[in-house]
Amino acid sequence: QLVESGGGLVQAGGSLRLSCAASGRPFSTYAMGWFRQAPGKEREFVASISWSTGRTSYAGFVQGRFTISKNNAKNTVYLQMNSLKPEDTAVYYCAAERLAERVVTGDYWGQGIQVTVSS
């Protein structure tokens, strides 16, 4: 089970930190990631991290503004989002993929959490 938290409304230029609490299975061999879907658009990859190696990957539009990290003891993955822009407004989803270094298709998904950036 993946449960997201930390979304909300923020002004442009502000910051938010999303959390994804994982439970129910051993995620040590998984890749964890964040995707987002804006109204009228397809879901897109944002960032991913390997639970075992800590290797990270990011979408090009992140441009150093977002950071994905994990806390093994809490079984939680974070997405720190800084310098937010109105175009970052979307529903953000946490995803997990087995035996992978990076989430591509996702085997498990959270319910999604709204992030709204006002101009």
PDB file of N, CA and C in Angstrom:
ATOM      1  N   GLN A   1       0.840  -1.186   0.000  1.00  0.00           N
ATOM      2  CA  GLN A   1       0.000   0.000   0.000  1.00  0.00           C
ATOM      3  C   GLN A   1       0.884   1.248   0.000  1.00  0.00           C
ATOM      4  N   LEU A   2       0.518   2.203  -0.808  1.00  0.00           N
ATOM      5  CA  LEU A   2       1.260   3.458  -0.897  1.00  0.00           C
ATOM      6  C   LEU A   2       0.295   4.584  -0.561  1.00  0.00           C
ATOM      7  N   VAL A   3       0.673   5.416   0.400  1.00  0.00           N
ATOM      8  CA  VAL A   3      -0.202   6.495   0.835  1.00  0.00           C
ATOM      9  C   VAL A   3       0.558   7.818   0.746  1.00  0.00           C
ATOM     10  N   GLU A   4       0.048   8.721  -0.084  1.00  0.00           N
ATOM     11  CA  GLU A   4       0.687  10.025  -0.259  1.00  0.00           C
ATOM     12  C   GLU A   4       0.130  11.037   0.736  1.00  0.00           C
ATOM     13  N   SER A   5       0.961  12.006   1.062  1.00  0.00           N
ATOM     14  CA  SER A   5       0.532  13.115   1.902  1.00  0.00           C
ATOM     15  C   SER A   5       1.407  14.317   1.586  1.00  0.00           C
ATOM     16  N   GLY A   6       0.961  15.497   2.042  1.00  0.00           N
ATOM     17  CA  GLY A   6       1.779  16.689   1.914  1.00  0.00           C
ATOM     18  C   GLY A   6       1.398  17.626   0.785  1.00  0.00           C
ATOM     19  N   GLY A   7       0.385  17.279   0.021  1.00  0.00           N
ATOM     20  CA  GLY A   7      -0.026  18.165  -1.058  1.00  0.00           C
ATOM     21  C   GLY A   7      -0.778  19.372  -0.533  1.00  0.00           C
ATOM     22  N   GLY A   8      -1.228  20.229  -1.463  1.00  0.00           N
ATOM     23  CA  GLY A   8      -1.987  21.395  -1.062  1.00  0.00           C
ATOM     24  C   GLY A   8      -1.828  22.532  -2.038  1.00  0.00           C
ATOM     25  N   LEU A   9      -2.160  23.722  -1.554  1.00  0.00           N
ATOM     26  CA  LEU A   9      -2.103  24.937  -2.359  1.00  0.00           C
ATOM     27  C   LEU A   9      -0.907  25.770  -1.928  1.00  0.00           C
ATOM     28  N   VAL A  10      -0.143  26.241  -2.907  1.00  0.00           N
ATOM     29  CA  VAL A  10       1.031  27.054  -2.620  1.00  0.00           C
ATOM     30  C   VAL A  10       1.164  28.110  -3.707  1.00  0.00           C
ATOM     31  N   GLN A  11       1.743  29.233  -3.378  1.00  0.00           N
ATOM     32  CA  GLN A  11       1.984  30.275  -4.366  1.00  0.00           C
ATOM     33  C   GLN A  11       3.206  29.937  -5.216  1.00  0.00           C
ATOM     34  N   ALA A  12       3.230  30.481  -6.400  1.00  0.00           N
ATOM     35  CA  ALA A  12       4.384  30.293  -7.276  1.00  0.00           C
ATOM     36  C   ALA A  12       5.654  30.732  -6.564  1.00  0.00           C
ATOM     37  N   GLY A  13       6.699  29.921  -6.723  1.00  0.00           N
ATOM     38  CA  GLY A  13       7.953  30.189  -6.040  1.00  0.00           C
ATOM     39  C   GLY A  13       8.074  29.500  -4.700  1.00  0.00           C
ATOM     40  N   GLY A  14       6.965  28.958  -4.219  1.00  0.00           N
ATOM     41  CA  GLY A  14       6.960  28.300  -2.922  1.00  0.00           C
ATOM     42  C   GLY A  14       7.432  26.861  -3.002  1.00  0.00           C
ATOM     43  N   SER A  15       7.325  26.172  -1.854  1.00  0.00           N
ATOM     44  CA  SER A  15       7.808  24.800  -1.740  1.00  0.00           C
ATOM     45  C   SER A  15       6.758  23.910  -1.099  1.00  0.00           C
ATOM     46  N   LEU A  16       6.823  22.646  -1.434  1.00  0.00           N
ATOM     47  CA  LEU A  16       6.021  21.601  -0.794  1.00  0.00           C
ATOM     48  C   LEU A  16       6.876  20.347  -0.710  1.00  0.00           C
ATOM     49  N   ARG A  17       6.594  19.526   0.293  1.00  0.00           N
ATOM     50  CA  ARG A  17       7.232  18.218   0.368  1.00  0.00           C
ATOM     51  C   ARG A  17       6.156  17.147   0.409  1.00  0.00           C
ATOM     52  N   LEU A  18       6.183  16.295  -0.583  1.00  0.00           N
ATOM     53  CA  LEU A  18       5.266  15.164  -0.627  1.00  0.00           C
ATOM     54  C   LEU A  18       5.916  13.960   0.053  1.00  0.00           C
ATOM     55  N   SER A  19       5.095  13.182   0.714  1.00  0.00           N
ATOM     56  CA  SER A  19       5.559  11.951   1.344  1.00  0.00           C
ATOM     57  C   SER A  19       4.764  10.773   0.802  1.00  0.00           C
ATOM     58  N   CYS A  20       5.412   9.632   0.713  1.00  0.00           N
ATOM     59  CA  CYS A  20       4.757   8.393   0.289  1.00  0.00           C
ATOM     60  C   CYS A  20       5.154   7.312   1.285  1.00  0.00           C
ATOM     61  N   ALA A  21       4.202   6.907   2.106  1.00  0.00           N
ATOM     62  CA  ALA A  21       4.446   5.863   3.088  1.00  0.00           C
ATOM     63  C   ALA A  21       4.105   4.512   2.469  1.00  0.00           C
ATOM     64  N   ALA A  22       5.072   3.601   2.480  1.00  0.00           N
ATOM     65  CA  ALA A  22       4.899   2.287   1.874  1.00  0.00           C
ATOM     66  C   ALA A  22       4.719   1.227   2.955  1.00  0.00           C
ATOM     67  N   SER A  23       3.800   0.309   2.721  1.00  0.00           N
ATOM     68  CA  SER A  23       3.571  -0.758   3.690  1.00  0.00           C
ATOM     69  C   SER A  23       3.038  -1.996   2.979  1.00  0.00           C
ATOM     70  N   GLY A  24       3.117  -3.129   3.668  1.00  0.00           N
ATOM     71  CA  GLY A  24       2.481  -4.334   3.165  1.00  0.00           C
ATOM     72  C   GLY A  24       3.381  -5.297   2.432  1.00  0.00           C
ATOM     73  N   ARG A  25       4.589  -4.904   2.111  1.00  0.00           N
ATOM     74  CA  ARG A  25       5.502  -5.809   1.406  1.00  0.00           C
ATOM     75  C   ARG A  25       6.919  -5.285   1.590  1.00  0.00           C
ATOM     76  N   PRO A  26       7.925  -6.133   1.326  1.00  0.00           N
ATOM     77  CA  PRO A  26       9.319  -5.678   1.451  1.00  0.00           C
ATOM     78  C   PRO A  26       9.730  -4.853   0.234  1.00  0.00           C
ATOM     79  N   PHE A  27       9.851  -3.552   0.395  1.00  0.00           N
ATOM     80  CA  PHE A  27      10.140  -2.683  -0.721  1.00  0.00           C
ATOM     81  C   PHE A  27      11.633  -2.524  -0.990  1.00  0.00           C
ATOM     82  N   SER A  28      12.469  -3.278  -0.305  1.00  0.00           N
ATOM     83  CA  SER A  28      13.913  -3.103  -0.433  1.00  0.00           C
ATOM     84  C   SER A  28      14.429  -3.409  -1.831  1.00  0.00           C
ATOM     85  N   THR A  29      13.681  -4.178  -2.622  1.00  0.00           N
ATOM     86  CA  THR A  29      14.128  -4.497  -3.985  1.00  0.00           C
ATOM     87  C   THR A  29      13.338  -3.714  -5.033  1.00  0.00           C
ATOM     88  N   TYR A  30      12.637  -2.709  -4.592  1.00  0.00           N
ATOM     89  CA  TYR A  30      11.797  -1.924  -5.484  1.00  0.00           C
ATOM     90  C   TYR A  30      12.471  -0.610  -5.869  1.00  0.00           C
ATOM     91  N   ALA A  31      11.998  -0.057  -6.960  1.00  0.00           N
ATOM     92  CA  ALA A  31      12.219   1.346  -7.267  1.00  0.00           C
ATOM     93  C   ALA A  31      10.947   2.089  -6.886  1.00  0.00           C
ATOM     94  N   MET A  32      11.108   3.286  -6.370  1.00  0.00           N
ATOM     95  CA  MET A  32       9.977   4.125  -5.977  1.00  0.00           C
ATOM     96  C   MET A  32      10.015   5.397  -6.811  1.00  0.00           C
ATOM     97  N   GLY A  33       8.859   5.909  -7.111  1.00  0.00           N
ATOM     98  CA  GLY A  33       8.865   7.097  -7.958  1.00  0.00           C
ATOM     99  C   GLY A  33       7.635   7.955  -7.792  1.00  0.00           C
ATOM    100  N   TRP A  34       7.695   9.102  -8.430  1.00  0.00           N
ATOM    101  CA  TRP A  34       6.583  10.047  -8.462  1.00  0.00           C
ATOM    102  C   TRP A  34       6.219  10.347  -9.913  1.00  0.00           C
ATOM    103  N   PHE A  35       4.932  10.360 -10.150  1.00  0.00           N
ATOM    104  CA  PHE A  35       4.378  10.745 -11.433  1.00  0.00           C
ATOM    105  C   PHE A  35       3.361  11.851 -11.161  1.00  0.00           C
ATOM    106  N   ARG A  36       2.946  12.523 -12.219  1.00  0.00           N
ATOM    107  CA  ARG A  36       1.908  13.537 -12.049  1.00  0.00           C
ATOM    108  C   ARG A  36       1.001  13.574 -13.276  1.00  0.00           C
ATOM    109  N   GLN A  37      -0.203  14.031 -13.049  1.00  0.00           N
ATOM    110  CA  GLN A  37      -1.167  14.161 -14.142  1.00  0.00           C
ATOM    111  C   GLN A  37      -1.927  15.463 -13.980  1.00  0.00           C
ATOM    112  N   ALA A  38      -1.769  16.329 -14.943  1.00  0.00           N
ATOM    113  CA  ALA A  38      -2.484  17.601 -14.956  1.00  0.00           C
ATOM    114  C   ALA A  38      -3.802  17.419 -15.708  1.00  0.00           C
ATOM    115  N   PRO A  39      -4.776  18.268 -15.471  1.00  0.00           N
ATOM    116  CA  PRO A  39      -6.069  18.147 -16.162  1.00  0.00           C
ATOM    117  C   PRO A  39      -5.902  18.155 -17.674  1.00  0.00           C
ATOM    118  N   GLY A  40      -6.493  17.170 -18.335  1.00  0.00           N
ATOM    119  CA  GLY A  40      -6.438  17.097 -19.780  1.00  0.00           C
ATOM    120  C   GLY A  40      -5.137  16.583 -20.345  1.00  0.00           C
ATOM    121  N   LYS A  41      -4.227  16.167 -19.474  1.00  0.00           N
ATOM    122  CA  LYS A  41      -2.934  15.672 -19.938  1.00  0.00           C
ATOM    123  C   LYS A  41      -2.707  14.244 -19.475  1.00  0.00           C
ATOM    124  N   GLU A  42      -1.745  13.583 -20.108  1.00  0.00           N
ATOM    125  CA  GLU A  42      -1.397  12.232 -19.698  1.00  0.00           C
ATOM    126  C   GLU A  42      -0.501  12.261 -18.455  1.00  0.00           C
ATOM    127  N   ARG A  43      -0.518  11.138 -17.745  1.00  0.00           N
ATOM    128  CA  ARG A  43       0.361  11.010 -16.603  1.00  0.00           C
ATOM    129  C   ARG A  43       1.810  11.027 -17.076  1.00  0.00           C
ATOM    130  N   GLU A  44       2.671  11.743 -16.331  1.00  0.00           N
ATOM    131  CA  GLU A  44       4.067  11.832 -16.727  1.00  0.00           C
ATOM    132  C   GLU A  44       4.996  11.550 -15.559  1.00  0.00           C
ATOM    133  N   PHE A  45       6.159  11.046 -15.892  1.00  0.00           N
ATOM    134  CA  PHE A  45       7.185  10.723 -14.907  1.00  0.00           C
ATOM    135  C   PHE A  45       7.774  12.007 -14.323  1.00  0.00           C
ATOM    136  N   VAL A  46       8.031  11.989 -13.023  1.00  0.00           N
ATOM    137  CA  VAL A  46       8.656  13.132 -12.351  1.00  0.00           C
ATOM    138  C   VAL A  46      10.043  12.757 -11.818  1.00  0.00           C
ATOM    139  N   ALA A  47      10.098  11.735 -10.994  1.00  0.00           N
ATOM    140  CA  ALA A  47      11.367  11.355 -10.365  1.00  0.00           C
ATOM    141  C   ALA A  47      11.263   9.927  -9.858  1.00  0.00           C
ATOM    142  N   SER A  48      12.434   9.290  -9.694  1.00  0.00           N
ATOM    143  CA  SER A  48      12.461   7.918  -9.224  1.00  0.00           C
ATOM    144  C   SER A  48      13.718   7.691  -8.405  1.00  0.00           C
ATOM    145  N   ILE A  49      13.643   6.736  -7.491  1.00  0.00           N
ATOM    146  CA  ILE A  49      14.794   6.379  -6.666  1.00  0.00           C
ATOM    147  C   ILE A  49      14.801   4.881  -6.435  1.00  0.00           C
ATOM    148  N   SER A  50      15.981   4.296  -6.489  1.00  0.00           N
ATOM    149  CA  SER A  50      16.126   2.875  -6.196  1.00  0.00           C
ATOM    150  C   SER A  50      16.198   2.694  -4.685  1.00  0.00           C
ATOM    151  N   TRP A  51      15.342   1.812  -4.158  1.00  0.00           N
ATOM    152  CA  TRP A  51      15.342   1.619  -2.710  1.00  0.00           C
ATOM    153  C   TRP A  51      16.659   1.017  -2.237  1.00  0.00           C
ATOM    154  N   SER A  52      17.275   0.173  -3.044  1.00  0.00           N
ATOM    155  CA  SER A  52      18.486  -0.526  -2.591  1.00  0.00           C
ATOM    156  C   SER A  52      19.746   0.299  -2.808  1.00  0.00           C
ATOM    157  N   THR A  53      19.856   0.995  -3.954  1.00  0.00           N
ATOM    158  CA  THR A  53      21.094   1.710  -4.252  1.00  0.00           C
ATOM    159  C   THR A  53      21.007   3.213  -3.999  1.00  0.00           C
ATOM    160  N   GLY A  54      19.785   3.724  -3.921  1.00  0.00           N
ATOM    161  CA  GLY A  54      19.611   5.167  -3.752  1.00  0.00           C
ATOM    162  C   GLY A  54      19.794   5.971  -5.020  1.00  0.00           C
ATOM    163  N   ARG A  55      20.012   5.276  -6.142  1.00  0.00           N
ATOM    164  CA  ARG A  55      20.209   5.984  -7.411  1.00  0.00           C
ATOM    165  C   ARG A  55      18.928   6.705  -7.788  1.00  0.00           C
ATOM    166  N   THR A  56      19.069   7.947  -8.260  1.00  0.00           N
ATOM    167  CA  THR A  56      17.906   8.771  -8.585  1.00  0.00           C
ATOM    168  C   THR A  56      17.876   9.129 -10.065  1.00  0.00           C
ATOM    169  N   SER A  57      16.679   9.432 -10.545  1.00  0.00           N
ATOM    170  CA  SER A  57      16.529   9.940 -11.906  1.00  0.00           C
ATOM    171  C   SER A  57      15.382  10.933 -11.903  1.00  0.00           C
ATOM    172  N   TYR A  58      15.440  11.893 -12.822  1.00  0.00           N
ATOM    173  CA  TYR A  58      14.470  12.987 -12.856  1.00  0.00           C
ATOM    174  C   TYR A  58      14.031  13.285 -14.280  1.00  0.00           C
ATOM    175  N   ALA A  59      12.830  13.796 -14.396  1.00  0.00           N
ATOM    176  CA  ALA A  59      12.366  14.301 -15.678  1.00  0.00           C
ATOM    177  C   ALA A  59      13.069  15.615 -15.980  1.00  0.00           C
ATOM    178  N   GLY A  60      13.181  15.911 -17.240  1.00  0.00           N
ATOM    179  CA  GLY A  60      13.899  17.121 -17.636  1.00  0.00           C
ATOM    180  C   GLY A  60      13.295  18.402 -17.098  1.00  0.00           C
ATOM    181  N   PHE A  61      11.963  18.444 -16.975  1.00  0.00           N
ATOM    182  CA  PHE A  61      11.316  19.685 -16.550  1.00  0.00           C
ATOM    183  C   PHE A  61      11.579  20.000 -15.077  1.00  0.00           C
ATOM    184  N   VAL A  62      12.109  19.024 -14.321  1.00  0.00           N
ATOM    185  CA  VAL A  62      12.412  19.264 -12.908  1.00  0.00           C
ATOM    186  C   VAL A  62      13.490  20.324 -12.778  1.00  0.00           C
ATOM    187  N   GLN A  63      14.511  20.250 -13.627  1.00  0.00           N
ATOM    188  CA  GLN A  63      15.556  21.270 -13.726  1.00  0.00           C
ATOM    189  C   GLN A  63      16.148  21.647 -12.372  1.00  0.00           C
ATOM    190  N   GLY A  64      16.411  20.660 -11.538  1.00  0.00           N
ATOM    191  CA  GLY A  64      17.045  20.911 -10.260  1.00  0.00           C
ATOM    192  C   GLY A  64      16.123  21.464  -9.184  1.00  0.00           C
ATOM    193  N   ARG A  65      14.843  21.588  -9.469  1.00  0.00           N
ATOM    194  CA  ARG A  65      13.924  22.141  -8.486  1.00  0.00           C
ATOM    195  C   ARG A  65      13.398  21.093  -7.511  1.00  0.00           C
ATOM    196  N   PHE A  66      13.325  19.850  -7.937  1.00  0.00           N
ATOM    197  CA  PHE A  66      12.759  18.778  -7.112  1.00  0.00           C
ATOM    198  C   PHE A  66      13.869  17.828  -6.669  1.00  0.00           C
ATOM    199  N   THR A  67      13.681  17.249  -5.501  1.00  0.00           N
ATOM    200  CA  THR A  67      14.613  16.249  -4.995  1.00  0.00           C
ATOM    201  C   THR A  67      13.829  15.080  -4.426  1.00  0.00           C
ATOM    202  N   ILE A  68      14.154  13.876  -4.884  1.00  0.00           N
ATOM    203  CA  ILE A  68      13.536  12.671  -4.342  1.00  0.00           C
ATOM    204  C   ILE A  68      14.499  12.046  -3.346  1.00  0.00           C
ATOM    205  N   SER A  69      13.953  11.564  -2.241  1.00  0.00           N
ATOM    206  CA  SER A  69      14.783  10.946  -1.212  1.00  0.00           C
ATOM    207  C   SER A  69      13.967   9.872  -0.495  1.00  0.00           C
ATOM    208  N   LYS A  70      14.631   9.118   0.379  1.00  0.00           N
ATOM    209  CA  LYS A  70      13.939   8.044   1.089  1.00  0.00           C
ATOM    210  C   LYS A  70      14.441   7.947   2.511  1.00  0.00           C
ATOM    211  N   ASN A  71      13.597   7.412   3.347  1.00  0.00           N
ATOM    212  CA  ASN A  71      13.949   7.105   4.724  1.00  0.00           C
ATOM    213  C   ASN A  71      13.661   5.639   4.925  1.00  0.00           C
ATOM    214  N   ASN A  72      14.708   4.824   4.950  1.00  0.00           N
ATOM    215  CA  ASN A  72      14.517   3.379   5.044  1.00  0.00           C
ATOM    216  C   ASN A  72      13.799   2.982   6.330  1.00  0.00           C
ATOM    217  N   ALA A  73      14.154   3.628   7.420  1.00  0.00           N
ATOM    218  CA  ALA A  73      13.578   3.261   8.709  1.00  0.00           C
ATOM    219  C   ALA A  73      12.075   3.507   8.744  1.00  0.00           C
ATOM    220  N   LYS A  74      11.627   4.536   8.006  1.00  0.00           N
ATOM    221  CA  LYS A  74      10.204   4.870   7.998  1.00  0.00           C
ATOM    222  C   LYS A  74       9.486   4.307   6.784  1.00  0.00           C
ATOM    223  N   ASN A  75      10.211   3.625   5.897  1.00  0.00           N
ATOM    224  CA  ASN A  75       9.609   3.103   4.666  1.00  0.00           C
ATOM    225  C   ASN A  75       8.872   4.205   3.915  1.00  0.00           C
ATOM    226  N   THR A  76       9.503   5.338   3.819  1.00  0.00           N
ATOM    227  CA  THR A  76       8.858   6.518   3.232  1.00  0.00           C
ATOM    228  C   THR A  76       9.761   7.147   2.187  1.00  0.00           C
ATOM    229  N   VAL A  77       9.141   7.560   1.106  1.00  0.00           N
ATOM    230  CA  VAL A  77       9.828   8.281   0.032  1.00  0.00           C
ATOM    231  C   VAL A  77       9.285   9.706   0.002  1.00  0.00           C
ATOM    232  N   TYR A  78      10.150  10.648  -0.269  1.00  0.00           N
ATOM    233  CA  TYR A  78       9.773  12.059  -0.271  1.00  0.00           C
ATOM    234  C   TYR A  78      10.039  12.689  -1.637  1.00  0.00           C
ATOM    235  N   LEU A  79       9.298  13.719  -1.921  1.00  0.00           N
ATOM    236  CA  LEU A  79       9.575  14.563  -3.082  1.00  0.00           C
ATOM    237  C   LEU A  79       9.563  16.013  -2.595  1.00  0.00           C
ATOM    238  N   GLN A  80      10.737  16.583  -2.471  1.00  0.00           N
ATOM    239  CA  GLN A  80      10.853  17.987  -2.091  1.00  0.00           C
ATOM    240  C   GLN A  80      10.754  18.820  -3.351  1.00  0.00           C
ATOM    241  N   MET A  81       9.786  19.708  -3.385  1.00  0.00           N
ATOM    242  CA  MET A  81       9.550  20.533  -4.578  1.00  0.00           C
ATOM    243  C   MET A  81       9.756  21.995  -4.225  1.00  0.00           C
ATOM    244  N   ASN A  82      10.728  22.611  -4.846  1.00  0.00           N
ATOM    245  CA  ASN A  82      11.038  24.021  -4.625  1.00  0.00           C
ATOM    246  C   ASN A  82      10.789  24.817  -5.899  1.00  0.00           C
ATOM    247  N   SER A  83      10.735  26.119  -5.753  1.00  0.00           N
ATOM    248  CA  SER A  83      10.525  27.010  -6.910  1.00  0.00           C
ATOM    249  C   SER A  83       9.364  26.551  -7.766  1.00  0.00           C
ATOM    250  N   LEU A  84       8.265  26.254  -7.115  1.00  0.00           N
ATOM    251  CA  LEU A  84       7.106  25.719  -7.828  1.00  0.00           C
ATOM    252  C   LEU A  84       6.522  26.735  -8.800  1.00  0.00           C
ATOM    253  N   LYS A  85       6.016  26.206  -9.901  1.00  0.00           N
ATOM    254  CA  LYS A  85       5.425  27.016 -10.960  1.00  0.00           C
ATOM    255  C   LYS A  85       3.967  26.608 -11.149  1.00  0.00           C
ATOM    256  N   PRO A  86       3.145  27.494 -11.678  1.00  0.00           N
ATOM    257  CA  PRO A  86       1.747  27.115 -11.920  1.00  0.00           C
ATOM    258  C   PRO A  86       1.615  25.862 -12.777  1.00  0.00           C
ATOM    259  N   GLU A  87       2.542  25.645 -13.691  1.00  0.00           N
ATOM    260  CA  GLU A  87       2.478  24.455 -14.536  1.00  0.00           C
ATOM    261  C   GLU A  87       2.817  23.172 -13.789  1.00  0.00           C
ATOM    262  N   ASP A  88       3.240  23.271 -12.553  1.00  0.00           N
ATOM    263  CA  ASP A  88       3.445  22.074 -11.726  1.00  0.00           C
ATOM    264  C   ASP A  88       2.130  21.597 -11.106  1.00  0.00           C
ATOM    265  N   THR A  89       1.083  22.349 -11.288  1.00  0.00           N
ATOM    266  CA  THR A  89      -0.221  21.950 -10.756  1.00  0.00           C
ATOM    267  C   THR A  89      -0.668  20.636 -11.380  1.00  0.00           C
ATOM    268  N   ALA A  90      -0.969  19.667 -10.525  1.00  0.00           N
ATOM    269  CA  ALA A  90      -1.338  18.326 -11.001  1.00  0.00           C
ATOM    270  C   ALA A  90      -1.690  17.461  -9.804  1.00  0.00           C
ATOM    271  N   VAL A  91      -2.229  16.300 -10.097  1.00  0.00           N
ATOM    272  CA  VAL A  91      -2.329  15.246  -9.089  1.00  0.00           C
ATOM    273  C   VAL A  91      -1.033  14.445  -9.151  1.00  0.00           C
ATOM    274  N   TYR A  92      -0.399  14.307  -8.016  1.00  0.00           N
ATOM    275  CA  TYR A  92       0.879  13.602  -7.941  1.00  0.00           C
ATOM    276  C   TYR A  92       0.648  12.208  -7.367  1.00  0.00           C
ATOM    277  N   TYR A  93       1.254  11.221  -8.023  1.00  0.00           N
ATOM    278  CA  TYR A  93       1.083   9.832  -7.633  1.00  0.00           C
ATOM    279  C   TYR A  93       2.424   9.220  -7.238  1.00  0.00           C
ATOM    280  N   CYS A  94       2.389   8.449  -6.190  1.00  0.00           N
ATOM    281  CA  CYS A  94       3.529   7.637  -5.799  1.00  0.00           C
ATOM    282  C   CYS A  94       3.395   6.271  -6.467  1.00  0.00           C
ATOM    283  N   ALA A  95       4.511   5.701  -6.902  1.00  0.00           N
ATOM    284  CA  ALA A  95       4.484   4.400  -7.568  1.00  0.00           C
ATOM    285  C   ALA A  95       5.669   3.552  -7.136  1.00  0.00           C
ATOM    286  N   ALA A  96       5.494   2.246  -7.215  1.00  0.00           N
ATOM    287  CA  ALA A  96       6.558   1.302  -6.887  1.00  0.00           C
ATOM    288  C   ALA A  96       6.662   0.260  -7.984  1.00  0.00           C
ATOM    289  N   GLU A  97       7.880  -0.151  -8.284  1.00  0.00           N
ATOM    290  CA  GLU A  97       8.094  -1.160  -9.322  1.00  0.00           C
ATOM    291  C   GLU A  97       9.109  -2.187  -8.821  1.00  0.00           C
ATOM    292  N   ARG A  98       8.760  -3.446  -8.975  1.00  0.00           N
ATOM    293  CA  ARG A  98       9.591  -4.526  -8.463  1.00  0.00           C
ATOM    294  C   ARG A  98      10.860  -4.691  -9.280  1.00  0.00           C
ATOM    295  N   LEU A  99      11.930  -5.042  -8.585  1.00  0.00           N
ATOM    296  CA  LEU A  99      13.190  -5.433  -9.223  1.00  0.00           C
ATOM    297  C   LEU A  99      13.600  -4.431 -10.307  1.00  0.00           C
ATOM    298  N   ALA A 100      13.575  -3.185  -9.952  1.00  0.00           N
ATOM    299  CA  ALA A 100      13.921  -2.135 -10.910  1.00  0.00           C
ATOM    300  C   ALA A 100      14.757  -1.057 -10.244  1.00  0.00           C
ATOM    301  N   GLU A 101      15.551  -0.393 -11.055  1.00  0.00           N
ATOM    302  CA  GLU A 101      16.320   0.753 -10.581  1.00  0.00           C
ATOM    303  C   GLU A 101      15.527   2.046 -10.740  1.00  0.00           C
ATOM    304  N   ARG A 102      14.554   2.001 -11.616  1.00  0.00           N
ATOM    305  CA  ARG A 102      13.765   3.194 -11.918  1.00  0.00           C
ATOM    306  C   ARG A 102      12.340   2.767 -12.228  1.00  0.00           C
ATOM    307  N   VAL A 103      11.378   3.542 -11.775  1.00  0.00           N
ATOM    308  CA  VAL A 103       9.983   3.234 -12.064  1.00  0.00           C
ATOM    309  C   VAL A 103       9.681   3.637 -13.500  1.00  0.00           C
ATOM    310  N   VAL A 104       9.196   2.672 -14.262  1.00  0.00           N
ATOM    311  CA  VAL A 104       8.820   2.948 -15.646  1.00  0.00           C
ATOM    312  C   VAL A 104       7.311   2.807 -15.829  1.00  0.00           C
ATOM    313  N   THR A 105       6.791   1.652 -15.457  1.00  0.00           N
ATOM    314  CA  THR A 105       5.355   1.414 -15.616  1.00  0.00           C
ATOM    315  C   THR A 105       4.628   1.375 -14.280  1.00  0.00           C
ATOM    316  N   GLY A 106       5.310   1.031 -13.211  1.00  0.00           N
ATOM    317  CA  GLY A 106       4.700   0.978 -11.889  1.00  0.00           C
ATOM    318  C   GLY A 106       3.865  -0.264 -11.666  1.00  0.00           C
ATOM    319  N   ASP A 107       4.206  -1.019 -10.647  1.00  0.00           N
ATOM    320  CA  ASP A 107       3.407  -2.193 -10.266  1.00  0.00           C
ATOM    321  C   ASP A 107       2.350  -1.829  -9.222  1.00  0.00           C
ATOM    322  N   TYR A 108       2.645  -0.827  -8.431  1.00  0.00           N
ATOM    323  CA  TYR A 108       1.715  -0.390  -7.390  1.00  0.00           C
ATOM    324  C   TYR A 108       1.651   1.129  -7.411  1.00  0.00           C
ATOM    325  N   TRP A 109       0.451   1.621  -7.124  1.00  0.00           N
ATOM    326  CA  TRP A 109       0.223   3.065  -7.184  1.00  0.00           C
ATOM    327  C   TRP A 109      -0.521   3.552  -5.939  1.00  0.00           C
ATOM    328  N   GLY A 110      -0.194   4.775  -5.533  1.00  0.00           N
ATOM    329  CA  GLY A 110      -0.977   5.428  -4.502  1.00  0.00           C
ATOM    330  C   GLY A 110      -2.232   6.032  -5.095  1.00  0.00           C
ATOM    331  N   GLN A 111      -3.039   6.637  -4.234  1.00  0.00           N
ATOM    332  CA  GLN A 111      -4.316   7.171  -4.673  1.00  0.00           C
ATOM    333  C   GLN A 111      -4.183   8.556  -5.318  1.00  0.00           C
ATOM    334  N   GLY A 112      -3.051   9.172  -5.151  1.00  0.00           N
ATOM    335  CA  GLY A 112      -2.815  10.493  -5.730  1.00  0.00           C
ATOM    336  C   GLY A 112      -3.126  11.603  -4.747  1.00  0.00           C
ATOM    337  N   ILE A 113      -2.423  12.723  -4.902  1.00  0.00           N
ATOM    338  CA  ILE A 113      -2.633  13.863  -4.034  1.00  0.00           C
ATOM    339  C   ILE A 113      -2.512  15.141  -4.872  1.00  0.00           C
ATOM    340  N   GLN A 114      -3.404  16.087  -4.597  1.00  0.00           N
ATOM    341  CA  GLN A 114      -3.460  17.307  -5.400  1.00  0.00           C
ATOM    342  C   GLN A 114      -2.389  18.301  -4.957  1.00  0.00           C
ATOM    343  N   VAL A 115      -1.702  18.856  -5.945  1.00  0.00           N
ATOM    344  CA  VAL A 115      -0.794  19.979  -5.736  1.00  0.00           C
ATOM    345  C   VAL A 115      -1.264  21.109  -6.644  1.00  0.00           C
ATOM    346  N   THR A 116      -1.543  22.257  -6.060  1.00  0.00           N
ATOM    347  CA  THR A 116      -2.006  23.403  -6.818  1.00  0.00           C
ATOM    348  C   THR A 116      -1.076  24.577  -6.563  1.00  0.00           C
ATOM    349  N   VAL A 117      -0.551  25.145  -7.639  1.00  0.00           N
ATOM    350  CA  VAL A 117       0.363  26.281  -7.533  1.00  0.00           C
ATOM    351  C   VAL A 117      -0.322  27.496  -8.151  1.00  0.00           C
ATOM    352  N   SER A 118      -0.548  28.500  -7.357  1.00  0.00           N
ATOM    353  CA  SER A 118      -1.223  29.708  -7.835  1.00  0.00           C
ATOM    354  C   SER A 118      -0.204  30.735  -8.302  1.00  0.00           C
ATOM    355  N   SER A 119      -0.609  31.511  -9.294  1.00  0.00           N
ATOM    356  CA  SER A 119       0.309  32.518  -9.861  1.00  0.00           C
ATOM    357  C   SER A 119       0.182  33.857  -9.147  1.00  0.00           C
TER     358      SER A 119
END
